[in-house]
């Protein structure tokens, strides 16, 4: 089930924004011409990734420097050992839509 988040234009290129979807903090990153969704909690110590920096498709956690690929959630640099969960995001008629976290494994 897709959840409407608002206008895609509300997240500028190179920016991230966190939404609460079904009690899960989901970070939406606008990188290039695409939007990527992922759980906002770093798998190392639970810090918010939104407080970190987005460089292209790489988000760096502000707490301990772990890096994740926002396109897949993969760990690119530790200390984190586990990826963050990706949340599918689409744009339809200028509206940003994300899959409900409860439907994503």
PDB file of N, CA and C in Angstrom:
ATOM      1  N   UNK A   1       0.833  -1.170   0.000  1.00  0.00           N
ATOM      2  CA  UNK A   1       0.000   0.000   0.000  1.00  0.00           C
ATOM      3  C   UNK A   1       0.888   1.248   0.000  1.00  0.00           C
ATOM      4  N   UNK A   2       0.667   2.121  -0.968  1.00  0.00           N
ATOM      5  CA  UNK A   2       1.443   3.347  -1.079  1.00  0.00           C
ATOM      6  C   UNK A   2       0.826   4.439  -0.207  1.00  0.00           C
ATOM      7  N   UNK A   3       1.697   5.202   0.438  1.00  0.00           N
ATOM      8  CA  UNK A   3       1.273   6.302   1.302  1.00  0.00           C
ATOM      9  C   UNK A   3       1.731   7.609   0.665  1.00  0.00           C
ATOM     10  N   UNK A   4       0.811   8.542   0.513  1.00  0.00           N
ATOM     11  CA  UNK A   4       1.126   9.843  -0.076  1.00  0.00           C
ATOM     12  C   UNK A   4       1.895  10.678   0.949  1.00  0.00           C
ATOM     13  N   UNK A   5       3.042  11.221   0.505  1.00  0.00           N
ATOM     14  CA  UNK A   5       3.878  12.026   1.394  1.00  0.00           C
ATOM     15  C   UNK A   5       3.777  13.516   1.106  1.00  0.00           C
ATOM     16  N   UNK A   6       3.321  13.863  -0.084  1.00  0.00           N
ATOM     17  CA  UNK A   6       3.238  15.276  -0.462  1.00  0.00           C
ATOM     18  C   UNK A   6       3.880  15.497  -1.808  1.00  0.00           C
ATOM     19  N   UNK A   7       4.100  16.748  -2.126  1.00  0.00           N
ATOM     20  CA  UNK A   7       4.691  17.130  -3.401  1.00  0.00           C
ATOM     21  C   UNK A   7       6.168  16.721  -3.458  1.00  0.00           C
ATOM     22  N   UNK A   8       6.563  16.104  -4.552  1.00  0.00           N
ATOM     23  CA  UNK A   8       7.966  15.711  -4.726  1.00  0.00           C
ATOM     24  C   UNK A   8       8.874  16.942  -4.705  1.00  0.00           C
ATOM     25  N   UNK A   9       8.354  18.054  -5.179  1.00  0.00           N
ATOM     26  CA  UNK A   9       9.152  19.285  -5.229  1.00  0.00           C
ATOM     27  C   UNK A   9       9.478  19.840  -3.839  1.00  0.00           C
ATOM     28  N   UNK A  10       8.866  19.283  -2.786  1.00  0.00           N
ATOM     29  CA  UNK A  10       9.136  19.763  -1.428  1.00  0.00           C
ATOM     30  C   UNK A  10      10.490  19.301  -0.892  1.00  0.00           C
ATOM     31  N   UNK A  11      11.124  18.337  -1.593  1.00  0.00           N
ATOM     32  CA  UNK A  11      12.455  17.876  -1.188  1.00  0.00           C
ATOM     33  C   UNK A  11      13.417  18.246  -2.306  1.00  0.00           C
ATOM     34  N   UNK A  12      14.265  19.207  -2.063  1.00  0.00           N
ATOM     35  CA  UNK A  12      15.177  19.679  -3.100  1.00  0.00           C
ATOM     36  C   UNK A  12      16.297  18.673  -3.353  1.00  0.00           C
ATOM     37  N   UNK A  13      16.893  18.782  -4.526  1.00  0.00           N
ATOM     38  CA  UNK A  13      18.008  17.919  -4.927  1.00  0.00           C
ATOM     39  C   UNK A  13      19.103  17.996  -3.872  1.00  0.00           C
ATOM     40  N   UNK A  14      19.596  16.836  -3.439  1.00  0.00           N
ATOM     41  CA  UNK A  14      20.664  16.762  -2.450  1.00  0.00           C
ATOM     42  C   UNK A  14      20.185  16.858  -1.011  1.00  0.00           C
ATOM     43  N   UNK A  15      18.867  16.866  -0.817  1.00  0.00           N
ATOM     44  CA  UNK A  15      18.310  16.998   0.531  1.00  0.00           C
ATOM     45  C   UNK A  15      17.631  15.707   0.978  1.00  0.00           C
ATOM     46  N   UNK A  16      17.376  15.621   2.282  1.00  0.00           N
ATOM     47  CA  UNK A  16      16.660  14.491   2.873  1.00  0.00           C
ATOM     48  C   UNK A  16      15.556  15.048   3.758  1.00  0.00           C
ATOM     49  N   UNK A  17      14.515  14.247   3.921  1.00  0.00           N
ATOM     50  CA  UNK A  17      13.419  14.627   4.814  1.00  0.00           C
ATOM     51  C   UNK A  17      12.851  13.368   5.450  1.00  0.00           C
ATOM     52  N   UNK A  18      12.547  13.445   6.740  1.00  0.00           N
ATOM     53  CA  UNK A  18      12.041  12.287   7.474  1.00  0.00           C
ATOM     54  C   UNK A  18      10.523  12.385   7.618  1.00  0.00           C
ATOM     55  N   UNK A  19       9.870  11.251   7.406  1.00  0.00           N
ATOM     56  CA  UNK A  19       8.429  11.119   7.576  1.00  0.00           C
ATOM     57  C   UNK A  19       8.166   9.994   8.565  1.00  0.00           C
ATOM     58  N   UNK A  20       7.071  10.107   9.302  1.00  0.00           N
ATOM     59  CA  UNK A  20       6.642   9.018  10.177  1.00  0.00           C
ATOM     60  C   UNK A  20       5.609   8.211   9.404  1.00  0.00           C
ATOM     61  N   UNK A  21       5.955   6.979   9.055  1.00  0.00           N
ATOM     62  CA  UNK A  21       5.053   6.095   8.322  1.00  0.00           C
ATOM     63  C   UNK A  21       4.753   4.898   9.197  1.00  0.00           C
ATOM     64  N   UNK A  22       3.547   4.821   9.675  1.00  0.00           N
ATOM     65  CA  UNK A  22       3.115   3.699  10.511  1.00  0.00           C
ATOM     66  C   UNK A  22       4.011   3.518  11.733  1.00  0.00           C
ATOM     67  N   UNK A  23       4.492   4.602  12.306  1.00  0.00           N
ATOM     68  CA  UNK A  23       5.352   4.521  13.478  1.00  0.00           C
ATOM     69  C   UNK A  23       6.822   4.264  13.173  1.00  0.00           C
ATOM     70  N   UNK A  24       7.172   4.216  11.900  1.00  0.00           N
ATOM     71  CA  UNK A  24       8.559   4.031  11.476  1.00  0.00           C
ATOM     72  C   UNK A  24       9.069   5.335  10.877  1.00  0.00           C
ATOM     73  N   UNK A  25      10.236   5.784  11.345  1.00  0.00           N
ATOM     74  CA  UNK A  25      10.856   6.982  10.761  1.00  0.00           C
ATOM     75  C   UNK A  25      11.508   6.591   9.443  1.00  0.00           C
ATOM     76  N   UNK A  26      10.975   7.155   8.352  1.00  0.00           N
ATOM     77  CA  UNK A  26      11.483   6.863   7.009  1.00  0.00           C
ATOM     78  C   UNK A  26      12.097   8.132   6.448  1.00  0.00           C
ATOM     79  N   UNK A  27      13.344   8.007   5.998  1.00  0.00           N
ATOM     80  CA  UNK A  27      14.080   9.111   5.419  1.00  0.00           C
ATOM     81  C   UNK A  27      13.930   9.026   3.902  1.00  0.00           C
ATOM     82  N   UNK A  28      13.548  10.134   3.272  1.00  0.00           N
ATOM     83  CA  UNK A  28      13.459  10.201   1.815  1.00  0.00           C
ATOM     84  C   UNK A  28      14.578  11.121   1.344  1.00  0.00           C
ATOM     85  N   UNK A  29      15.438  10.594   0.481  1.00  0.00           N
ATOM     86  CA  UNK A  29      16.565  11.354  -0.062  1.00  0.00           C
ATOM     87  C   UNK A  29      16.301  11.640  -1.535  1.00  0.00           C
ATOM     88  N   UNK A  30      16.591  12.865  -1.952  1.00  0.00           N
ATOM     89  CA  UNK A  30      16.470  13.250  -3.357  1.00  0.00           C
ATOM     90  C   UNK A  30      17.895  13.348  -3.908  1.00  0.00           C
ATOM     91  N   UNK A  31      18.274  12.351  -4.684  1.00  0.00           N
ATOM     92  CA  UNK A  31      19.634  12.281  -5.239  1.00  0.00           C
ATOM     93  C   UNK A  31      19.546  12.136  -6.749  1.00  0.00           C
ATOM     94  N   UNK A  32      20.115  13.086  -7.472  1.00  0.00           N
ATOM     95  CA  UNK A  32      19.999  13.056  -8.925  1.00  0.00           C
ATOM     96  C   UNK A  32      18.558  13.315  -9.308  1.00  0.00           C
ATOM     97  N   UNK A  33      18.050  12.504 -10.209  1.00  0.00           N
ATOM     98  CA  UNK A  33      16.662  12.651 -10.642  1.00  0.00           C
ATOM     99  C   UNK A  33      15.742  11.676  -9.927  1.00  0.00           C
ATOM    100  N   UNK A  34      16.201  11.083  -8.840  1.00  0.00           N
ATOM    101  CA  UNK A  34      15.414  10.034  -8.185  1.00  0.00           C
ATOM    102  C   UNK A  34      15.243  10.310  -6.693  1.00  0.00           C
ATOM    103  N   UNK A  35      14.247   9.626  -6.129  1.00  0.00           N
ATOM    104  CA  UNK A  35      13.985   9.671  -4.694  1.00  0.00           C
ATOM    105  C   UNK A  35      14.187   8.272  -4.131  1.00  0.00           C
ATOM    106  N   UNK A  36      14.802   8.197  -2.965  1.00  0.00           N
ATOM    107  CA  UNK A  36      15.091   6.910  -2.326  1.00  0.00           C
ATOM    108  C   UNK A  36      14.596   6.957  -0.888  1.00  0.00           C
ATOM    109  N   UNK A  37      13.984   5.878  -0.455  1.00  0.00           N
ATOM    110  CA  UNK A  37      13.494   5.795   0.904  1.00  0.00           C
ATOM    111  C   UNK A  37      14.231   4.728   1.692  1.00  0.00           C
ATOM    112  N   UNK A  38      14.465   4.994   2.968  1.00  0.00           N
ATOM    113  CA  UNK A  38      15.159   4.041   3.831  1.00  0.00           C
ATOM    114  C   UNK A  38      14.846   4.379   5.281  1.00  0.00           C
ATOM    115  N   UNK A  39      14.930   3.384   6.142  1.00  0.00           N
ATOM    116  CA  UNK A  39      14.706   3.648   7.564  1.00  0.00           C
ATOM    117  C   UNK A  39      15.744   4.649   8.047  1.00  0.00           C
ATOM    118  N   UNK A  40      15.297   5.590   8.854  1.00  0.00           N
ATOM    119  CA  UNK A  40      16.159   6.691   9.282  1.00  0.00           C
ATOM    120  C   UNK A  40      17.119   6.319  10.398  1.00  0.00           C
ATOM    121  N   UNK A  41      17.012   5.133  10.955  1.00  0.00           N
ATOM    122  CA  UNK A  41      17.821   4.747  12.104  1.00  0.00           C
ATOM    123  C   UNK A  41      19.082   3.995  11.678  1.00  0.00           C
ATOM    124  N   UNK A  42      20.249   4.531  12.032  1.00  0.00           N
ATOM    125  CA  UNK A  42      21.516   3.852  11.754  1.00  0.00           C
ATOM    126  C   UNK A  42      21.543   2.521  12.501  1.00  0.00           C
ATOM    127  N   UNK A  43      21.984   1.490  11.830  1.00  0.00           N
ATOM    128  CA  UNK A  43      22.007   0.158  12.432  1.00  0.00           C
ATOM    129  C   UNK A  43      23.160  -0.037  13.401  1.00  0.00           C
ATOM    130  N   UNK A  44      24.030   0.944  13.547  1.00  0.00           N
ATOM    131  CA  UNK A  44      25.136   0.821  14.492  1.00  0.00           C
ATOM    132  C   UNK A  44      24.681   1.145  15.912  1.00  0.00           C
ATOM    133  N   UNK A  45      24.242   2.382  16.123  1.00  0.00           N
ATOM    134  CA  UNK A  45      23.862   2.808  17.474  1.00  0.00           C
ATOM    135  C   UNK A  45      22.508   3.510  17.513  1.00  0.00           C
ATOM    136  N   UNK A  46      21.760   3.466  16.433  1.00  0.00           N
ATOM    137  CA  UNK A  46      20.409   4.005  16.431  1.00  0.00           C
ATOM    138  C   UNK A  46      20.282   5.499  16.207  1.00  0.00           C
ATOM    139  N   UNK A  47      21.319   6.147  15.754  1.00  0.00           N
ATOM    140  CA  UNK A  47      21.247   7.587  15.484  1.00  0.00           C
ATOM    141  C   UNK A  47      20.394   7.861  14.251  1.00  0.00           C
ATOM    142  N   UNK A  48      19.845   9.060  14.170  1.00  0.00           N
ATOM    143  CA  UNK A  48      19.064   9.470  13.004  1.00  0.00           C
ATOM    144  C   UNK A  48      20.005   9.788  11.845  1.00  0.00           C
ATOM    145  N   UNK A  49      19.776   9.149  10.717  1.00  0.00           N
ATOM    146  CA  UNK A  49      20.598   9.418   9.541  1.00  0.00           C
ATOM    147  C   UNK A  49      20.309  10.792   8.951  1.00  0.00           C
ATOM    148  N   UNK A  50      19.136  11.341   9.262  1.00  0.00           N
ATOM    149  CA  UNK A  50      18.783  12.673   8.768  1.00  0.00           C
ATOM    150  C   UNK A  50      19.703  13.744   9.329  1.00  0.00           C
ATOM    151  N   UNK A  51      20.353  13.459  10.454  1.00  0.00           N
ATOM    152  CA  UNK A  51      21.296  14.418  11.039  1.00  0.00           C
ATOM    153  C   UNK A  51      22.661  14.352  10.356  1.00  0.00           C
ATOM    154  N   UNK A  52      22.825  13.356   9.481  1.00  0.00           N
ATOM    155  CA  UNK A  52      24.075  13.193   8.757  1.00  0.00           C
ATOM    156  C   UNK A  52      24.084  13.971   7.453  1.00  0.00           C
ATOM    157  N   UNK A  53      25.010  13.592   6.578  1.00  0.00           N
ATOM    158  CA  UNK A  53      25.166  14.290   5.311  1.00  0.00           C
ATOM    159  C   UNK A  53      24.894  13.354   4.153  1.00  0.00           C
ATOM    160  N   UNK A  54      24.239  13.893   3.132  1.00  0.00           N
ATOM    161  CA  UNK A  54      23.989  13.176   1.892  1.00  0.00           C
ATOM    162  C   UNK A  54      24.946  13.699   0.837  1.00  0.00           C
ATOM    163  N   UNK A  55      25.722  12.800   0.249  1.00  0.00           N
ATOM    164  CA  UNK A  55      26.646  13.154  -0.827  1.00  0.00           C
ATOM    165  C   UNK A  55      26.347  12.222  -1.988  1.00  0.00           C
ATOM    166  N   UNK A  56      25.644  12.709  -2.978  1.00  0.00           N
ATOM    167  CA  UNK A  56      25.200  11.841  -4.065  1.00  0.00           C
ATOM    168  C   UNK A  56      24.206  10.837  -3.505  1.00  0.00           C
ATOM    169  N   UNK A  57      24.545   9.561  -3.624  1.00  0.00           N
ATOM    170  CA  UNK A  57      23.665   8.510  -3.093  1.00  0.00           C
ATOM    171  C   UNK A  57      24.227   7.871  -1.826  1.00  0.00           C
ATOM    172  N   UNK A  58      25.121   8.581  -1.147  1.00  0.00           N
ATOM    173  CA  UNK A  58      25.731   8.074   0.084  1.00  0.00           C
ATOM    174  C   UNK A  58      25.337   8.974   1.249  1.00  0.00           C
ATOM    175  N   UNK A  59      24.773   8.360   2.296  1.00  0.00           N
ATOM    176  CA  UNK A  59      24.464   9.108   3.513  1.00  0.00           C
ATOM    177  C   UNK A  59      25.468   8.669   4.583  1.00  0.00           C
ATOM    178  N   UNK A  60      26.036   9.666   5.268  1.00  0.00           N
ATOM    179  CA  UNK A  60      26.997   9.423   6.339  1.00  0.00           C
ATOM    180  C   UNK A  60      26.348   9.773   7.668  1.00  0.00           C
ATOM    181  N   UNK A  61      26.351   8.820   8.587  1.00  0.00           N
ATOM    182  CA  UNK A  61      25.773   9.027   9.909  1.00  0.00           C
ATOM    183  C   UNK A  61      26.630  10.029  10.693  1.00  0.00           C
ATOM    184  N   UNK A  62      25.965  11.005  11.293  1.00  0.00           N
ATOM    185  CA  UNK A  62      26.666  12.045  12.048  1.00  0.00           C
ATOM    186  C   UNK A  62      27.288  11.526  13.342  1.00  0.00           C
ATOM    187  N   UNK A  63      26.784  10.427  13.872  1.00  0.00           N
ATOM    188  CA  UNK A  63      27.271   9.939  15.169  1.00  0.00           C
ATOM    189  C   UNK A  63      28.639   9.260  15.097  1.00  0.00           C
ATOM    190  N   UNK A  64      28.790   8.281  14.202  1.00  0.00           N
ATOM    191  CA  UNK A  64      30.035   7.507  14.173  1.00  0.00           C
ATOM    192  C   UNK A  64      30.602   7.293  12.774  1.00  0.00           C
ATOM    193  N   UNK A  65      30.011   7.952  11.768  1.00  0.00           N
ATOM    194  CA  UNK A  65      30.592   7.927  10.423  1.00  0.00           C
ATOM    195  C   UNK A  65      30.221   6.750   9.542  1.00  0.00           C
ATOM    196  N   UNK A  66      29.305   5.898   9.970  1.00  0.00           N
ATOM    197  CA  UNK A  66      28.881   4.806   9.084  1.00  0.00           C
ATOM    198  C   UNK A  66      28.283   5.403   7.816  1.00  0.00           C
ATOM    199  N   UNK A  67      28.503   4.728   6.708  1.00  0.00           N
ATOM    200  CA  UNK A  67      27.964   5.193   5.438  1.00  0.00           C
ATOM    201  C   UNK A  67      27.081   4.116   4.823  1.00  0.00           C
ATOM    202  N   UNK A  68      25.977   4.576   4.210  1.00  0.00           N
ATOM    203  CA  UNK A  68      25.019   3.689   3.578  1.00  0.00           C
ATOM    204  C   UNK A  68      24.708   4.185   2.171  1.00  0.00           C
ATOM    205  N   UNK A  69      24.469   3.252   1.272  1.00  0.00           N
ATOM    206  CA  UNK A  69      24.020   3.559  -0.082  1.00  0.00           C
ATOM    207  C   UNK A  69      22.505   3.732  -0.012  1.00  0.00           C
ATOM    208  N   UNK A  70      21.996   4.924  -0.308  1.00  0.00           N
ATOM    209  CA  UNK A  70      20.560   5.167  -0.180  1.00  0.00           C
ATOM    210  C   UNK A  70      19.750   4.425  -1.239  1.00  0.00           C
ATOM    211  N   UNK A  71      20.399   3.959  -2.300  1.00  0.00           N
ATOM    212  CA  UNK A  71      19.667   3.238  -3.346  1.00  0.00           C
ATOM    213  C   UNK A  71      19.314   1.820  -2.928  1.00  0.00           C
ATOM    214  N   UNK A  72      20.070   1.273  -1.970  1.00  0.00           N
ATOM    215  CA  UNK A  72      19.856  -0.122  -1.577  1.00  0.00           C
ATOM    216  C   UNK A  72      19.849  -0.339  -0.070  1.00  0.00           C
ATOM    217  N   UNK A  73      20.373   0.612   0.681  1.00  0.00           N
ATOM    218  CA  UNK A  73      20.516   0.462   2.132  1.00  0.00           C
ATOM    219  C   UNK A  73      21.809  -0.210   2.547  1.00  0.00           C
ATOM    220  N   UNK A  74      22.626  -0.615   1.587  1.00  0.00           N
ATOM    221  CA  UNK A  74      23.868  -1.343   1.874  1.00  0.00           C
ATOM    222  C   UNK A  74      24.860  -0.509   2.674  1.00  0.00           C
ATOM    223  N   UNK A  75      25.579  -1.180   3.562  1.00  0.00           N
ATOM    224  CA  UNK A  75      26.653  -0.540   4.322  1.00  0.00           C
ATOM    225  C   UNK A  75      27.842  -0.346   3.392  1.00  0.00           C
ATOM    226  N   UNK A  76      28.343   0.873   3.318  1.00  0.00           N
ATOM    227  CA  UNK A  76      29.532   1.160   2.520  1.00  0.00           C
ATOM    228  C   UNK A  76      30.765   1.322   3.401  1.00  0.00           C
ATOM    229  N   UNK A  77      30.533   1.753   4.647  1.00  0.00           N
ATOM    230  CA  UNK A  77      31.630   1.908   5.603  1.00  0.00           C
ATOM    231  C   UNK A  77      31.050   1.767   7.003  1.00  0.00           C
ATOM    232  N   UNK A  78      31.761   1.043   7.845  1.00  0.00           N
ATOM    233  CA  UNK A  78      31.327   0.838   9.222  1.00  0.00           C
ATOM    234  C   UNK A  78      31.663   2.024  10.079  1.00  0.00           C
ATOM    235  N   UNK A  79      31.303   1.889  11.333  1.00  0.00           N
ATOM    236  CA  UNK A  79      31.202   0.672  12.114  1.00  0.00           C
ATOM    237  C   UNK A  79      29.909  -0.135  11.947  1.00  0.00           C
ATOM    238  N   UNK A  80      28.876   0.395  11.294  1.00  0.00           N
ATOM    239  CA  UNK A  80      27.647  -0.389  11.100  1.00  0.00           C
ATOM    240  C   UNK A  80      27.970  -1.687  10.364  1.00  0.00           C
ATOM    241  N   UNK A  81      27.283  -2.745  10.740  1.00  0.00           N
ATOM    242  CA  UNK A  81      27.485  -4.056  10.117  1.00  0.00           C
ATOM    243  C   UNK A  81      26.292  -4.480   9.262  1.00  0.00           C
ATOM    244  N   UNK A  82      25.100  -3.953   9.600  1.00  0.00           N
ATOM    245  CA  UNK A  82      23.867  -4.350   8.910  1.00  0.00           C
ATOM    246  C   UNK A  82      23.342  -3.192   8.069  1.00  0.00           C
ATOM    247  N   UNK A  83      22.755  -3.500   6.913  1.00  0.00           N
ATOM    248  CA  UNK A  83      22.175  -2.443   6.079  1.00  0.00           C
ATOM    249  C   UNK A  83      20.933  -1.846   6.728  1.00  0.00           C
ATOM    250  N   UNK A  84      20.548  -0.676   6.259  1.00  0.00           N
ATOM    251  CA  UNK A  84      19.256  -0.105   6.645  1.00  0.00           C
ATOM    252  C   UNK A  84      18.225  -0.616   5.650  1.00  0.00           C
ATOM    253  N   UNK A  85      16.984  -0.727   6.098  1.00  0.00           N
ATOM    254  CA  UNK A  85      15.930  -1.250   5.231  1.00  0.00           C
ATOM    255  C   UNK A  85      15.514  -0.186   4.218  1.00  0.00           C
ATOM    256  N   UNK A  86      15.484  -0.571   2.956  1.00  0.00           N
ATOM    257  CA  UNK A  86      15.021   0.316   1.891  1.00  0.00           C
ATOM    258  C   UNK A  86      13.502   0.315   1.846  1.00  0.00           C
ATOM    259  N   UNK A  87      12.947   1.459   1.527  1.00  0.00           N
ATOM    260  CA  UNK A  87      11.506   1.633   1.386  1.00  0.00           C
ATOM    261  C   UNK A  87      11.256   2.152  -0.029  1.00  0.00           C
ATOM    262  N   UNK A  88      10.537   1.391  -0.863  1.00  0.00           N
ATOM    263  CA  UNK A  88      10.283   1.841  -2.239  1.00  0.00           C
ATOM    264  C   UNK A  88       9.522   3.173  -2.287  1.00  0.00           C
ATOM    265  N   UNK A  89       9.990   4.057  -3.159  1.00  0.00           N
ATOM    266  CA  UNK A  89       9.399   5.381  -3.331  1.00  0.00           C
ATOM    267  C   UNK A  89       9.145   5.600  -4.816  1.00  0.00           C
ATOM    268  N   UNK A  90       8.000   6.193  -5.143  1.00  0.00           N
ATOM    269  CA  UNK A  90       7.680   6.537  -6.519  1.00  0.00           C
ATOM    270  C   UNK A  90       7.144   7.962  -6.559  1.00  0.00           C
ATOM    271  N   UNK A  91       7.142   8.516  -7.767  1.00  0.00           N
ATOM    272  CA  UNK A  91       6.541   9.824  -7.995  1.00  0.00           C
ATOM    273  C   UNK A  91       5.473   9.635  -9.059  1.00  0.00           C
ATOM    274  N   UNK A  92       4.249  10.076  -8.758  1.00  0.00           N
ATOM    275  CA  UNK A  92       3.136   9.997  -9.705  1.00  0.00           C
ATOM    276  C   UNK A  92       2.432  11.346  -9.726  1.00  0.00           C
ATOM    277  N   UNK A  93       2.396  11.954 -10.901  1.00  0.00           N
ATOM    278  CA  UNK A  93       1.751  13.269 -11.049  1.00  0.00           C
ATOM    279  C   UNK A  93       2.292  14.284 -10.060  1.00  0.00           C
ATOM    280  N   UNK A  94       3.611  14.254  -9.834  1.00  0.00           N
ATOM    281  CA  UNK A  94       4.258  15.198  -8.939  1.00  0.00           C
ATOM    282  C   UNK A  94       4.120  14.880  -7.462  1.00  0.00           C
ATOM    283  N   UNK A  95       3.398  13.806  -7.151  1.00  0.00           N
ATOM    284  CA  UNK A  95       3.200  13.402  -5.761  1.00  0.00           C
ATOM    285  C   UNK A  95       4.218  12.326  -5.375  1.00  0.00           C
ATOM    286  N   UNK A  96       4.780  12.452  -4.209  1.00  0.00           N
ATOM    287  CA  UNK A  96       5.729  11.484  -3.672  1.00  0.00           C
ATOM    288  C   UNK A  96       4.956  10.409  -2.918  1.00  0.00           C
ATOM    289  N   UNK A  97       5.182   9.145  -3.273  1.00  0.00           N
ATOM    290  CA  UNK A  97       4.498   8.011  -2.653  1.00  0.00           C
ATOM    291  C   UNK A  97       5.529   7.033  -2.124  1.00  0.00           C
ATOM    292  N   UNK A  98       5.309   6.512  -0.926  1.00  0.00           N
ATOM    293  CA  UNK A  98       6.203   5.511  -0.334  1.00  0.00           C
ATOM    294  C   UNK A  98       5.392   4.300   0.056  1.00  0.00           C
ATOM    295  N   UNK A  99       6.007   3.143  -0.075  1.00  0.00           N
ATOM    296  CA  UNK A  99       5.351   1.913   0.370  1.00  0.00           C
ATOM    297  C   UNK A  99       5.268   1.915   1.894  1.00  0.00           C
ATOM    298  N   UNK A 100       4.186   1.379   2.401  1.00  0.00           N
ATOM    299  CA  UNK A 100       4.034   1.261   3.844  1.00  0.00           C
ATOM    300  C   UNK A 100       5.120   0.328   4.390  1.00  0.00           C
ATOM    301  N   UNK A 101       5.844   0.734   5.431  1.00  0.00           N
ATOM    302  CA  UNK A 101       6.913  -0.121   5.975  1.00  0.00           C
ATOM    303  C   UNK A 101       6.448  -1.516   6.343  1.00  0.00           C
ATOM    304  N   UNK A 102       5.201  -1.665   6.765  1.00  0.00           N
ATOM    305  CA  UNK A 102       4.700  -2.984   7.150  1.00  0.00           C
ATOM    306  C   UNK A 102       4.603  -3.955   5.978  1.00  0.00           C
ATOM    307  N   UNK A 103       4.656  -3.428   4.750  1.00  0.00           N
ATOM    308  CA  UNK A 103       4.574  -4.291   3.571  1.00  0.00           C
ATOM    309  C   UNK A 103       5.935  -4.584   2.966  1.00  0.00           C
ATOM    310  N   UNK A 104       6.987  -3.964   3.521  1.00  0.00           N
ATOM    311  CA  UNK A 104       8.339  -4.111   2.984  1.00  0.00           C
ATOM    312  C   UNK A 104       9.148  -5.009   3.900  1.00  0.00           C
ATOM    313  N   UNK A 105       9.801  -5.997   3.349  1.00  0.00           N
ATOM    314  CA  UNK A 105      10.665  -6.883   4.147  1.00  0.00           C
ATOM    315  C   UNK A 105      12.080  -6.413   4.126  1.00  0.00           C
TER     316      UNK A 105
END
